[in-house]
């Protein structure tokens, strides 16, 4: 006969604001993503025809505010992500190296074909693909949908840019920046709705 569960097992998980947990990967790690998302928007918005540059900034600002509030301000439960093995470092370095390799080789192909303006969409694909191994390495499932969506959006930008309008590549990059902030904010917001963040 098993022993009854202890009070500790039923105790609700402690809730904290992200600003109080700066060492948690789901807090400091998102800053890198937020910076990258911001670069995607601001580096590409001016290439777009009017009124899209203004719309891009407004969408980015709204998504950024949501990111800051959900990640740093709202109290939420932080799940134990467990021990990150030494292999995670090698996975990270390999993913980054692969990302730069994709960008380098892709840039050569695009420039040789006379489509160098499609580089922003290529970068979106490369960054998205390099996120995929992080889900398992860092016990953060959010990287899987984020990486897949980025790769898909980047590929759409490449196809539309090649077949229709080169500005579609920059549009894909801007959209990706806003999408990244939104996904990160949503993942953090989920932690405010339960005693334990969904794995």
N, C-alpha and C. Protein backbone atom coordinates (compact mmCIF):
# COMPACT_ATOMS: atom_id res chain seq x y z
N UNK A 1 0.85 -1.19 0.00
CA UNK A 1 0.00 0.00 0.00
C UNK A 1 0.88 1.23 0.00
N UNK A 2 0.68 2.09 -0.95
CA UNK A 2 1.54 3.26 -1.07
C UNK A 2 1.17 4.31 -0.05
N UNK A 3 2.17 5.09 0.32
CA UNK A 3 1.94 6.15 1.30
C UNK A 3 1.17 7.29 0.66
N UNK A 4 0.36 8.01 1.44
CA UNK A 4 -0.40 9.13 0.89
C UNK A 4 0.54 10.23 0.42
N UNK A 5 0.15 10.96 -0.57
CA UNK A 5 1.00 12.03 -1.05
C UNK A 5 1.25 13.06 0.04
N UNK A 6 2.44 13.59 0.04
CA UNK A 6 2.79 14.60 1.03
C UNK A 6 2.20 15.94 0.65
N UNK A 7 2.16 16.85 1.61
CA UNK A 7 1.67 18.19 1.33
C UNK A 7 2.56 18.90 0.32
N UNK A 8 3.84 18.53 0.34
CA UNK A 8 4.77 19.18 -0.59
C UNK A 8 4.40 18.87 -2.02
N UNK A 9 3.94 17.62 -2.26
CA UNK A 9 3.61 17.24 -3.62
C UNK A 9 2.40 18.00 -4.14
N UNK A 10 1.51 18.44 -3.20
CA UNK A 10 0.31 19.14 -3.61
C UNK A 10 0.48 20.66 -3.55
N UNK A 11 1.60 21.10 -2.98
CA UNK A 11 1.80 22.54 -2.85
C UNK A 11 1.93 23.19 -4.22
N UNK A 12 1.27 24.31 -4.42
CA UNK A 12 1.37 24.98 -5.71
C UNK A 12 2.78 25.50 -5.94
N UNK A 13 3.19 25.49 -7.17
CA UNK A 13 4.53 25.98 -7.49
C UNK A 13 4.63 27.46 -7.19
N UNK A 14 5.78 27.85 -6.67
CA UNK A 14 6.00 29.26 -6.36
C UNK A 14 5.96 30.09 -7.64
N UNK A 15 5.38 31.26 -7.53
CA UNK A 15 5.24 32.11 -8.71
C UNK A 15 6.15 33.33 -8.52
N UNK A 16 6.85 33.66 -9.59
CA UNK A 16 7.77 34.79 -9.55
C UNK A 16 7.65 35.58 -10.84
N UNK A 17 8.08 36.81 -10.76
CA UNK A 17 8.22 37.61 -11.98
C UNK A 17 9.56 37.28 -12.63
N UNK A 18 9.58 37.34 -13.94
CA UNK A 18 10.82 37.03 -14.64
C UNK A 18 11.98 37.90 -14.21
N UNK A 19 11.68 39.15 -13.89
CA UNK A 19 12.74 40.08 -13.48
C UNK A 19 13.39 39.61 -12.18
N UNK A 20 12.66 38.76 -11.41
CA UNK A 20 13.20 38.22 -10.16
C UNK A 20 13.98 36.93 -10.38
N UNK A 21 13.92 36.40 -11.61
CA UNK A 21 14.60 35.14 -11.93
C UNK A 21 15.51 35.34 -13.15
N UNK A 22 16.45 36.28 -13.09
CA UNK A 22 17.25 36.59 -14.27
C UNK A 22 18.13 35.44 -14.75
N UNK A 23 18.43 34.48 -13.86
CA UNK A 23 19.29 33.37 -14.25
C UNK A 23 18.56 32.23 -14.90
N UNK A 24 17.23 32.27 -14.91
CA UNK A 24 16.45 31.19 -15.51
C UNK A 24 16.55 31.28 -17.04
N UNK A 25 16.84 30.15 -17.71
CA UNK A 25 17.02 30.19 -19.17
C UNK A 25 15.83 30.78 -19.92
N UNK A 26 14.62 30.56 -19.38
CA UNK A 26 13.44 31.10 -20.02
C UNK A 26 13.28 32.58 -19.83
N UNK A 27 14.23 33.19 -19.12
CA UNK A 27 14.22 34.66 -18.95
C UNK A 27 15.38 35.27 -19.73
N UNK A 28 16.61 34.95 -19.30
CA UNK A 28 17.74 35.59 -19.98
C UNK A 28 17.88 35.11 -21.42
N UNK A 29 17.51 33.85 -21.66
CA UNK A 29 17.64 33.33 -23.02
C UNK A 29 16.73 34.03 -24.01
N UNK A 30 15.60 34.52 -23.52
CA UNK A 30 14.67 35.19 -24.43
C UNK A 30 15.19 36.54 -24.89
N UNK A 31 16.11 37.12 -24.12
CA UNK A 31 16.63 38.43 -24.51
C UNK A 31 17.36 38.34 -25.85
N UNK A 32 18.10 37.27 -26.04
CA UNK A 32 18.80 37.06 -27.32
C UNK A 32 17.78 36.98 -28.45
N UNK A 33 16.71 36.22 -28.22
CA UNK A 33 15.67 36.10 -29.23
C UNK A 33 14.99 37.42 -29.51
N UNK A 34 14.75 38.21 -28.46
CA UNK A 34 14.08 39.50 -28.64
C UNK A 34 14.96 40.47 -29.43
N UNK A 35 16.26 40.42 -29.15
CA UNK A 35 17.18 41.28 -29.91
C UNK A 35 17.20 40.87 -31.38
N UNK A 36 17.28 39.56 -31.63
CA UNK A 36 17.26 39.07 -33.01
C UNK A 36 15.97 39.45 -33.72
N UNK A 37 14.84 39.32 -33.02
CA UNK A 37 13.55 39.68 -33.59
C UNK A 37 13.52 41.16 -33.96
N UNK A 38 14.07 41.99 -33.08
CA UNK A 38 14.10 43.43 -33.33
C UNK A 38 14.97 43.76 -34.54
N UNK A 39 16.09 43.07 -34.67
CA UNK A 39 16.96 43.28 -35.82
C UNK A 39 16.23 42.91 -37.12
N UNK A 40 15.50 41.80 -37.09
CA UNK A 40 14.74 41.39 -38.28
C UNK A 40 13.80 42.51 -38.73
N UNK A 41 13.14 43.14 -37.77
CA UNK A 41 12.16 44.19 -38.12
C UNK A 41 12.85 45.45 -38.61
N UNK A 42 13.78 45.97 -37.81
CA UNK A 42 14.37 47.27 -38.12
C UNK A 42 15.35 47.25 -39.28
N UNK A 43 15.95 46.10 -39.54
CA UNK A 43 16.90 46.01 -40.65
C UNK A 43 16.19 45.86 -42.00
N UNK A 44 14.89 45.56 -41.97
CA UNK A 44 14.20 45.27 -43.22
C UNK A 44 12.97 46.14 -43.49
N UNK A 45 12.49 46.85 -42.50
CA UNK A 45 11.25 47.61 -42.67
C UNK A 45 11.35 48.70 -43.73
N UNK A 46 12.50 49.36 -43.82
CA UNK A 46 12.65 50.49 -44.75
C UNK A 46 12.62 50.05 -46.21
N UNK A 47 12.85 48.77 -46.47
CA UNK A 47 12.85 48.27 -47.84
C UNK A 47 11.42 48.12 -48.36
N UNK A 48 10.47 47.98 -47.44
CA UNK A 48 9.09 47.74 -47.82
C UNK A 48 8.41 49.01 -48.32
N UNK A 49 7.45 48.87 -49.24
CA UNK A 49 6.71 50.03 -49.73
C UNK A 49 5.76 50.56 -48.66
N UNK A 50 5.40 51.84 -48.77
CA UNK A 50 4.45 52.42 -47.83
C UNK A 50 3.09 51.73 -47.97
N UNK A 51 2.35 51.59 -46.88
CA UNK A 51 2.61 52.08 -45.52
C UNK A 51 3.24 51.03 -44.62
N UNK A 52 3.83 49.98 -45.20
CA UNK A 52 4.32 48.86 -44.42
C UNK A 52 5.43 49.18 -43.44
N UNK A 53 6.32 50.15 -43.71
CA UNK A 53 7.32 50.46 -42.68
C UNK A 53 6.70 50.92 -41.36
N UNK A 54 5.67 51.76 -41.46
CA UNK A 54 5.00 52.24 -40.24
C UNK A 54 4.24 51.11 -39.58
N UNK A 55 3.52 50.32 -40.36
CA UNK A 55 2.78 49.18 -39.82
C UNK A 55 3.73 48.21 -39.13
N UNK A 56 4.90 48.03 -39.71
CA UNK A 56 5.89 47.11 -39.13
C UNK A 56 6.32 47.57 -37.74
N UNK A 57 6.57 48.88 -37.62
CA UNK A 57 7.03 49.41 -36.33
C UNK A 57 5.92 49.30 -35.28
N UNK A 58 4.69 49.58 -35.67
CA UNK A 58 3.57 49.48 -34.73
C UNK A 58 3.40 48.04 -34.26
N UNK A 59 3.44 47.09 -35.19
CA UNK A 59 3.30 45.68 -34.83
C UNK A 59 4.44 45.23 -33.94
N UNK A 60 5.66 45.67 -34.27
CA UNK A 60 6.82 45.32 -33.45
C UNK A 60 6.68 45.89 -32.03
N UNK A 61 6.24 47.15 -31.91
CA UNK A 61 6.10 47.78 -30.61
C UNK A 61 5.08 47.05 -29.74
N UNK A 62 3.95 46.67 -30.34
CA UNK A 62 2.93 45.94 -29.59
C UNK A 62 3.47 44.60 -29.12
N UNK A 63 4.14 43.87 -30.03
CA UNK A 63 4.70 42.57 -29.68
C UNK A 63 5.79 42.70 -28.62
N UNK A 64 6.59 43.77 -28.70
CA UNK A 64 7.65 43.99 -27.72
C UNK A 64 7.09 44.25 -26.33
N UNK A 65 6.04 45.06 -26.26
CA UNK A 65 5.41 45.33 -24.97
C UNK A 65 4.85 44.03 -24.39
N UNK A 66 4.20 43.24 -25.23
CA UNK A 66 3.67 41.95 -24.76
C UNK A 66 4.80 41.06 -24.25
N UNK A 67 5.92 41.05 -24.95
CA UNK A 67 7.08 40.26 -24.54
C UNK A 67 7.58 40.71 -23.17
N UNK A 68 7.78 41.99 -22.99
CA UNK A 68 8.31 42.51 -21.73
C UNK A 68 7.37 42.20 -20.57
N UNK A 69 6.07 42.42 -20.79
CA UNK A 69 5.09 42.20 -19.72
C UNK A 69 5.02 40.71 -19.36
N UNK A 70 4.92 39.85 -20.36
CA UNK A 70 4.75 38.41 -20.09
C UNK A 70 6.01 37.76 -19.53
N UNK A 71 7.16 38.16 -20.04
CA UNK A 71 8.41 37.51 -19.61
C UNK A 71 8.93 38.07 -18.30
N UNK A 72 8.83 39.39 -18.10
CA UNK A 72 9.48 40.02 -16.96
C UNK A 72 8.56 40.51 -15.86
N UNK A 73 7.29 40.79 -16.16
CA UNK A 73 6.42 41.47 -15.20
C UNK A 73 5.39 40.53 -14.56
N UNK A 74 4.68 39.77 -15.35
CA UNK A 74 3.61 38.92 -14.80
C UNK A 74 4.17 37.79 -13.96
N UNK A 75 3.63 37.58 -12.76
CA UNK A 75 4.07 36.44 -11.94
C UNK A 75 3.68 35.13 -12.63
N UNK A 76 4.58 34.17 -12.64
CA UNK A 76 4.30 32.89 -13.28
C UNK A 76 5.10 31.79 -12.59
N UNK A 77 4.70 30.57 -12.85
CA UNK A 77 5.40 29.42 -12.28
C UNK A 77 6.53 29.01 -13.22
N UNK A 78 7.65 28.65 -12.66
CA UNK A 78 8.81 28.24 -13.45
C UNK A 78 9.05 26.75 -13.22
N UNK A 79 8.98 25.98 -14.30
CA UNK A 79 9.19 24.54 -14.16
C UNK A 79 10.68 24.23 -14.09
N UNK A 80 11.00 23.12 -13.46
CA UNK A 80 12.38 22.66 -13.38
C UNK A 80 12.74 22.03 -14.73
N UNK A 81 13.68 22.63 -15.44
CA UNK A 81 14.04 22.13 -16.76
C UNK A 81 15.07 21.01 -16.68
N UNK A 82 15.49 20.70 -15.46
CA UNK A 82 16.44 19.60 -15.31
C UNK A 82 17.86 20.01 -15.68
N UNK A 83 18.74 19.02 -15.59
CA UNK A 83 20.15 19.27 -15.87
C UNK A 83 20.40 19.34 -17.38
N UNK A 84 21.08 20.37 -17.80
CA UNK A 84 21.48 20.50 -19.20
C UNK A 84 22.85 19.86 -19.35
N UNK A 85 22.92 18.79 -20.11
CA UNK A 85 24.16 18.05 -20.24
C UNK A 85 25.25 18.80 -20.99
N UNK A 86 26.46 18.28 -20.86
CA UNK A 86 27.60 18.92 -21.53
C UNK A 86 27.44 18.91 -23.04
N UNK A 87 26.69 17.93 -23.56
CA UNK A 87 26.49 17.85 -25.00
C UNK A 87 25.74 19.04 -25.55
N UNK A 88 24.99 19.71 -24.67
CA UNK A 88 24.20 20.87 -25.12
C UNK A 88 25.11 21.96 -25.69
N UNK A 89 26.26 22.11 -25.10
CA UNK A 89 27.19 23.12 -25.60
C UNK A 89 27.67 22.80 -27.01
N UNK A 90 27.95 21.52 -27.26
CA UNK A 90 28.38 21.11 -28.59
C UNK A 90 27.24 21.23 -29.60
N UNK A 91 26.03 20.91 -29.14
CA UNK A 91 24.86 21.06 -30.02
C UNK A 91 24.67 22.53 -30.39
N UNK A 92 24.84 23.40 -29.40
CA UNK A 92 24.70 24.83 -29.66
C UNK A 92 25.73 25.31 -30.68
N UNK A 93 26.98 24.95 -30.45
CA UNK A 93 28.05 25.38 -31.36
C UNK A 93 27.84 24.80 -32.76
N UNK A 94 27.43 23.53 -32.83
CA UNK A 94 27.18 22.92 -34.12
C UNK A 94 26.03 23.58 -34.86
N UNK A 95 24.99 23.94 -34.11
CA UNK A 95 23.83 24.59 -34.72
C UNK A 95 24.20 25.97 -35.26
N UNK A 96 24.97 26.71 -34.48
CA UNK A 96 25.40 28.04 -34.92
C UNK A 96 26.29 27.94 -36.15
N UNK A 97 27.22 26.98 -36.12
CA UNK A 97 28.10 26.78 -37.28
C UNK A 97 27.29 26.40 -38.51
N UNK A 98 26.30 25.53 -38.34
CA UNK A 98 25.45 25.14 -39.45
C UNK A 98 24.65 26.31 -39.99
N UNK A 99 24.19 27.17 -39.09
CA UNK A 99 23.44 28.36 -39.50
C UNK A 99 24.30 29.26 -40.39
N UNK A 100 25.52 29.52 -39.96
CA UNK A 100 26.41 30.38 -40.76
C UNK A 100 26.78 29.72 -42.09
N UNK A 101 26.89 28.40 -42.08
CA UNK A 101 27.20 27.70 -43.32
C UNK A 101 26.05 27.83 -44.31
N UNK A 102 24.82 27.66 -43.82
CA UNK A 102 23.64 27.82 -44.69
C UNK A 102 23.58 29.23 -45.26
N UNK A 103 23.84 30.20 -44.41
CA UNK A 103 23.79 31.60 -44.87
C UNK A 103 24.88 31.87 -45.90
N UNK A 104 26.08 31.36 -45.65
CA UNK A 104 27.19 31.60 -46.57
C UNK A 104 26.95 30.96 -47.93
N UNK A 105 26.60 29.68 -47.91
CA UNK A 105 26.37 28.97 -49.17
C UNK A 105 25.15 29.52 -49.90
N UNK A 106 24.10 29.81 -49.13
CA UNK A 106 22.89 30.36 -49.73
C UNK A 106 23.13 31.72 -50.35
N UNK A 107 23.95 32.53 -49.69
CA UNK A 107 24.27 33.85 -50.22
C UNK A 107 24.98 33.75 -51.56
N UNK A 108 25.93 32.83 -51.65
CA UNK A 108 26.65 32.63 -52.90
C UNK A 108 25.70 32.23 -54.03
N UNK A 109 24.77 31.32 -53.72
CA UNK A 109 23.81 30.88 -54.73
C UNK A 109 22.89 32.01 -55.16
N UNK A 110 22.39 32.77 -54.20
CA UNK A 110 21.47 33.86 -54.53
C UNK A 110 22.16 34.95 -55.34
N UNK A 111 23.38 35.30 -54.94
CA UNK A 111 24.10 36.35 -55.66
C UNK A 111 24.47 35.91 -57.07
N UNK A 112 24.85 34.66 -57.22
CA UNK A 112 25.18 34.16 -58.56
C UNK A 112 23.96 34.13 -59.47
N UNK A 113 22.77 33.98 -58.86
CA UNK A 113 21.53 33.96 -59.63
C UNK A 113 20.94 35.35 -59.81
N UNK A 114 21.60 36.35 -59.22
CA UNK A 114 21.09 37.72 -59.33
C UNK A 114 19.95 38.03 -58.38
N UNK A 115 19.84 37.27 -57.29
CA UNK A 115 18.77 37.47 -56.33
C UNK A 115 19.33 37.74 -54.93
N UNK A 116 20.36 38.54 -54.86
CA UNK A 116 20.96 38.85 -53.56
C UNK A 116 19.99 39.52 -52.61
N UNK A 117 18.95 40.17 -53.13
CA UNK A 117 17.98 40.86 -52.28
C UNK A 117 17.13 39.89 -51.46
N UNK A 118 17.22 38.60 -51.78
CA UNK A 118 16.44 37.61 -51.03
C UNK A 118 17.15 37.13 -49.77
N UNK A 119 18.32 37.70 -49.48
CA UNK A 119 19.11 37.27 -48.32
C UNK A 119 18.33 37.31 -47.00
N UNK A 120 17.48 38.33 -46.74
CA UNK A 120 16.75 38.32 -45.46
C UNK A 120 15.93 37.06 -45.24
N UNK A 121 15.27 36.57 -46.29
CA UNK A 121 14.47 35.35 -46.15
C UNK A 121 15.36 34.14 -45.92
N UNK A 122 16.51 34.11 -46.56
CA UNK A 122 17.46 33.02 -46.34
C UNK A 122 17.92 32.99 -44.89
N UNK A 123 18.19 34.15 -44.34
CA UNK A 123 18.63 34.23 -42.94
C UNK A 123 17.53 33.72 -42.01
N UNK A 124 16.28 34.05 -42.33
CA UNK A 124 15.16 33.56 -41.52
C UNK A 124 15.15 32.03 -41.51
N UNK A 125 15.32 31.42 -42.69
CA UNK A 125 15.35 29.96 -42.78
C UNK A 125 16.49 29.40 -41.94
N UNK A 126 17.68 29.96 -42.10
CA UNK A 126 18.86 29.46 -41.40
C UNK A 126 18.71 29.55 -39.88
N UNK A 127 18.20 30.68 -39.41
CA UNK A 127 18.01 30.86 -37.96
C UNK A 127 16.96 29.89 -37.45
N UNK A 128 15.87 29.72 -38.21
CA UNK A 128 14.83 28.80 -37.80
C UNK A 128 15.33 27.37 -37.69
N UNK A 129 16.07 26.92 -38.69
CA UNK A 129 16.60 25.56 -38.67
C UNK A 129 17.57 25.36 -37.51
N UNK A 130 18.36 26.37 -37.22
CA UNK A 130 19.35 26.22 -36.15
C UNK A 130 18.70 26.17 -34.77
N UNK A 131 17.43 26.61 -34.65
CA UNK A 131 16.71 26.51 -33.38
C UNK A 131 16.24 25.09 -33.07
N UNK A 132 16.01 24.29 -34.09
CA UNK A 132 15.37 22.99 -33.89
C UNK A 132 16.09 22.07 -32.90
N UNK A 133 17.42 21.94 -32.95
CA UNK A 133 18.08 21.05 -31.97
C UNK A 133 18.02 21.57 -30.54
N UNK A 134 17.70 22.84 -30.35
CA UNK A 134 17.71 23.42 -29.01
C UNK A 134 16.59 22.85 -28.13
N UNK A 135 15.49 22.42 -28.76
CA UNK A 135 14.34 21.92 -27.98
C UNK A 135 14.76 20.78 -27.06
N UNK A 136 15.49 19.82 -27.61
CA UNK A 136 15.93 18.68 -26.81
C UNK A 136 17.16 19.02 -25.97
N UNK A 137 18.09 19.78 -26.54
CA UNK A 137 19.34 20.07 -25.83
C UNK A 137 19.11 20.90 -24.58
N UNK A 138 18.19 21.85 -24.65
CA UNK A 138 17.96 22.76 -23.53
C UNK A 138 16.60 22.54 -22.87
N UNK A 139 15.94 21.42 -23.19
CA UNK A 139 14.66 21.06 -22.57
C UNK A 139 13.64 22.20 -22.69
N UNK A 140 13.59 22.81 -23.86
CA UNK A 140 12.69 23.93 -24.10
C UNK A 140 11.88 23.66 -25.37
N UNK A 141 10.71 23.05 -25.24
CA UNK A 141 9.92 22.65 -26.40
C UNK A 141 9.54 23.80 -27.33
N UNK A 142 9.50 25.01 -26.80
CA UNK A 142 9.10 26.16 -27.63
C UNK A 142 9.96 26.29 -28.88
N UNK A 143 11.21 25.82 -28.82
CA UNK A 143 12.10 25.97 -29.98
C UNK A 143 11.61 25.20 -31.20
N UNK A 144 10.85 24.12 -30.97
CA UNK A 144 10.40 23.32 -32.11
C UNK A 144 9.39 24.07 -32.98
N UNK A 145 8.26 24.54 -32.43
CA UNK A 145 7.34 25.31 -33.28
C UNK A 145 7.95 26.60 -33.79
N UNK A 146 8.78 27.24 -32.96
CA UNK A 146 9.41 28.48 -33.40
C UNK A 146 10.31 28.23 -34.60
N UNK A 147 11.15 27.21 -34.52
CA UNK A 147 12.06 26.90 -35.61
C UNK A 147 11.33 26.51 -36.88
N UNK A 148 10.29 25.68 -36.74
CA UNK A 148 9.55 25.23 -37.91
C UNK A 148 8.84 26.41 -38.58
N UNK A 149 8.18 27.23 -37.78
CA UNK A 149 7.46 28.37 -38.35
C UNK A 149 8.41 29.34 -39.05
N UNK A 150 9.57 29.57 -38.44
CA UNK A 150 10.54 30.48 -39.07
C UNK A 150 11.03 29.92 -40.40
N UNK A 151 11.33 28.63 -40.42
CA UNK A 151 11.80 28.01 -41.66
C UNK A 151 10.74 28.11 -42.75
N UNK A 152 9.48 27.86 -42.38
CA UNK A 152 8.39 27.93 -43.36
C UNK A 152 8.20 29.35 -43.88
N UNK A 153 8.19 30.32 -42.96
CA UNK A 153 8.02 31.72 -43.38
C UNK A 153 9.18 32.15 -44.27
N UNK A 154 10.40 31.75 -43.91
CA UNK A 154 11.55 32.10 -44.73
C UNK A 154 11.48 31.50 -46.12
N UNK A 155 11.06 30.24 -46.20
CA UNK A 155 10.93 29.58 -47.50
C UNK A 155 9.86 30.25 -48.35
N UNK A 156 8.76 30.64 -47.72
CA UNK A 156 7.71 31.36 -48.45
C UNK A 156 8.26 32.67 -48.99
N UNK A 157 9.04 33.37 -48.16
CA UNK A 157 9.64 34.62 -48.60
C UNK A 157 10.58 34.41 -49.78
N UNK A 158 11.36 33.32 -49.74
CA UNK A 158 12.27 33.02 -50.85
C UNK A 158 11.51 32.73 -52.14
N UNK A 159 10.47 31.91 -52.03
CA UNK A 159 9.70 31.54 -53.23
C UNK A 159 8.99 32.76 -53.81
N UNK A 160 8.32 33.52 -52.96
CA UNK A 160 7.61 34.71 -53.45
C UNK A 160 8.58 35.74 -54.01
N UNK A 161 9.73 35.88 -53.34
CA UNK A 161 10.72 36.84 -53.81
C UNK A 161 11.32 36.45 -55.14
N UNK A 162 11.50 35.16 -55.34
CA UNK A 162 12.08 34.65 -56.59
C UNK A 162 11.09 34.74 -57.74
N UNK A 163 9.83 34.41 -57.45
CA UNK A 163 8.83 34.31 -58.49
C UNK A 163 8.01 35.58 -58.71
N UNK A 164 7.96 36.44 -57.71
CA UNK A 164 7.01 37.55 -57.78
C UNK A 164 7.66 38.90 -57.47
N UNK A 165 8.02 39.15 -56.22
CA UNK A 165 8.49 40.46 -55.79
C UNK A 165 9.59 40.26 -54.74
N UNK A 166 10.78 40.84 -55.02
CA UNK A 166 11.91 40.63 -54.12
C UNK A 166 11.65 41.18 -52.72
N UNK A 167 10.79 42.17 -52.60
CA UNK A 167 10.49 42.73 -51.29
C UNK A 167 9.80 41.72 -50.38
N UNK A 168 9.30 40.64 -50.96
CA UNK A 168 8.65 39.60 -50.14
C UNK A 168 9.65 39.00 -49.15
N UNK A 169 10.92 38.98 -49.51
CA UNK A 169 11.94 38.44 -48.61
C UNK A 169 12.08 39.31 -47.37
N UNK A 170 12.11 40.63 -47.57
CA UNK A 170 12.19 41.55 -46.43
C UNK A 170 10.91 41.51 -45.62
N UNK A 171 9.77 41.35 -46.31
CA UNK A 171 8.51 41.24 -45.60
C UNK A 171 8.48 40.00 -44.71
N UNK A 172 9.04 38.91 -45.21
CA UNK A 172 9.10 37.68 -44.42
C UNK A 172 9.96 37.88 -43.17
N UNK A 173 11.05 38.63 -43.31
CA UNK A 173 11.93 38.88 -42.17
C UNK A 173 11.23 39.75 -41.12
N UNK A 174 10.52 40.77 -41.58
CA UNK A 174 9.79 41.64 -40.65
C UNK A 174 8.71 40.84 -39.92
N UNK A 175 7.96 40.06 -40.68
CA UNK A 175 6.92 39.23 -40.09
C UNK A 175 7.51 38.27 -39.06
N UNK A 176 8.67 37.71 -39.38
CA UNK A 176 9.33 36.78 -38.47
C UNK A 176 9.69 37.44 -37.15
N UNK A 177 10.20 38.68 -37.23
CA UNK A 177 10.56 39.39 -36.01
C UNK A 177 9.38 39.56 -35.06
N UNK A 178 8.25 39.98 -35.63
CA UNK A 178 7.05 40.14 -34.81
C UNK A 178 6.57 38.79 -34.29
N UNK A 179 6.64 37.79 -35.14
CA UNK A 179 6.21 36.44 -34.75
C UNK A 179 7.06 35.89 -33.62
N UNK A 180 8.37 36.10 -33.67
CA UNK A 180 9.25 35.61 -32.61
C UNK A 180 8.87 36.19 -31.26
N UNK A 181 8.68 37.50 -31.21
CA UNK A 181 8.31 38.15 -29.95
C UNK A 181 6.97 37.62 -29.45
N UNK A 182 6.05 37.40 -30.37
CA UNK A 182 4.72 36.91 -30.00
C UNK A 182 4.79 35.50 -29.43
N UNK A 183 5.57 34.63 -30.07
CA UNK A 183 5.68 33.25 -29.59
C UNK A 183 6.36 33.20 -28.22
N UNK A 184 7.39 33.98 -28.03
CA UNK A 184 8.09 34.02 -26.74
C UNK A 184 7.15 34.52 -25.65
N UNK A 185 6.40 35.59 -25.96
CA UNK A 185 5.46 36.15 -24.99
C UNK A 185 4.36 35.15 -24.65
N UNK A 186 3.86 34.45 -25.66
CA UNK A 186 2.80 33.47 -25.44
C UNK A 186 3.29 32.32 -24.57
N UNK A 187 4.50 31.87 -24.82
CA UNK A 187 5.06 30.77 -24.02
C UNK A 187 5.17 31.18 -22.55
N UNK A 188 5.61 32.43 -22.30
CA UNK A 188 5.70 32.91 -20.93
C UNK A 188 4.32 33.10 -20.31
N UNK A 189 3.38 33.59 -21.09
CA UNK A 189 2.02 33.83 -20.60
C UNK A 189 1.36 32.55 -20.15
N UNK A 190 1.67 31.44 -20.81
CA UNK A 190 1.10 30.15 -20.41
C UNK A 190 1.44 29.82 -18.96
N UNK A 191 2.62 30.29 -18.52
CA UNK A 191 3.04 30.03 -17.15
C UNK A 191 2.23 30.79 -16.12
N UNK A 192 1.52 31.83 -16.57
CA UNK A 192 0.70 32.59 -15.63
C UNK A 192 -0.67 31.94 -15.44
N UNK A 193 -1.02 30.97 -16.29
CA UNK A 193 -2.35 30.39 -16.26
C UNK A 193 -2.43 29.07 -15.53
N UNK A 194 -1.30 28.58 -15.05
CA UNK A 194 -1.31 27.30 -14.34
C UNK A 194 -0.27 27.31 -13.26
N UNK A 195 -0.37 26.31 -12.40
CA UNK A 195 0.60 26.21 -11.31
C UNK A 195 1.97 25.80 -11.78
N UNK A 196 2.01 25.19 -12.96
CA UNK A 196 3.28 24.72 -13.52
C UNK A 196 3.23 24.93 -15.01
N UNK A 197 4.26 25.50 -15.57
CA UNK A 197 4.28 25.73 -17.00
C UNK A 197 4.19 24.40 -17.73
N UNK A 198 3.44 24.40 -18.86
CA UNK A 198 3.32 23.18 -19.64
C UNK A 198 4.67 22.80 -20.22
N UNK A 199 5.02 21.53 -20.20
CA UNK A 199 6.32 21.11 -20.77
C UNK A 199 6.26 21.17 -22.28
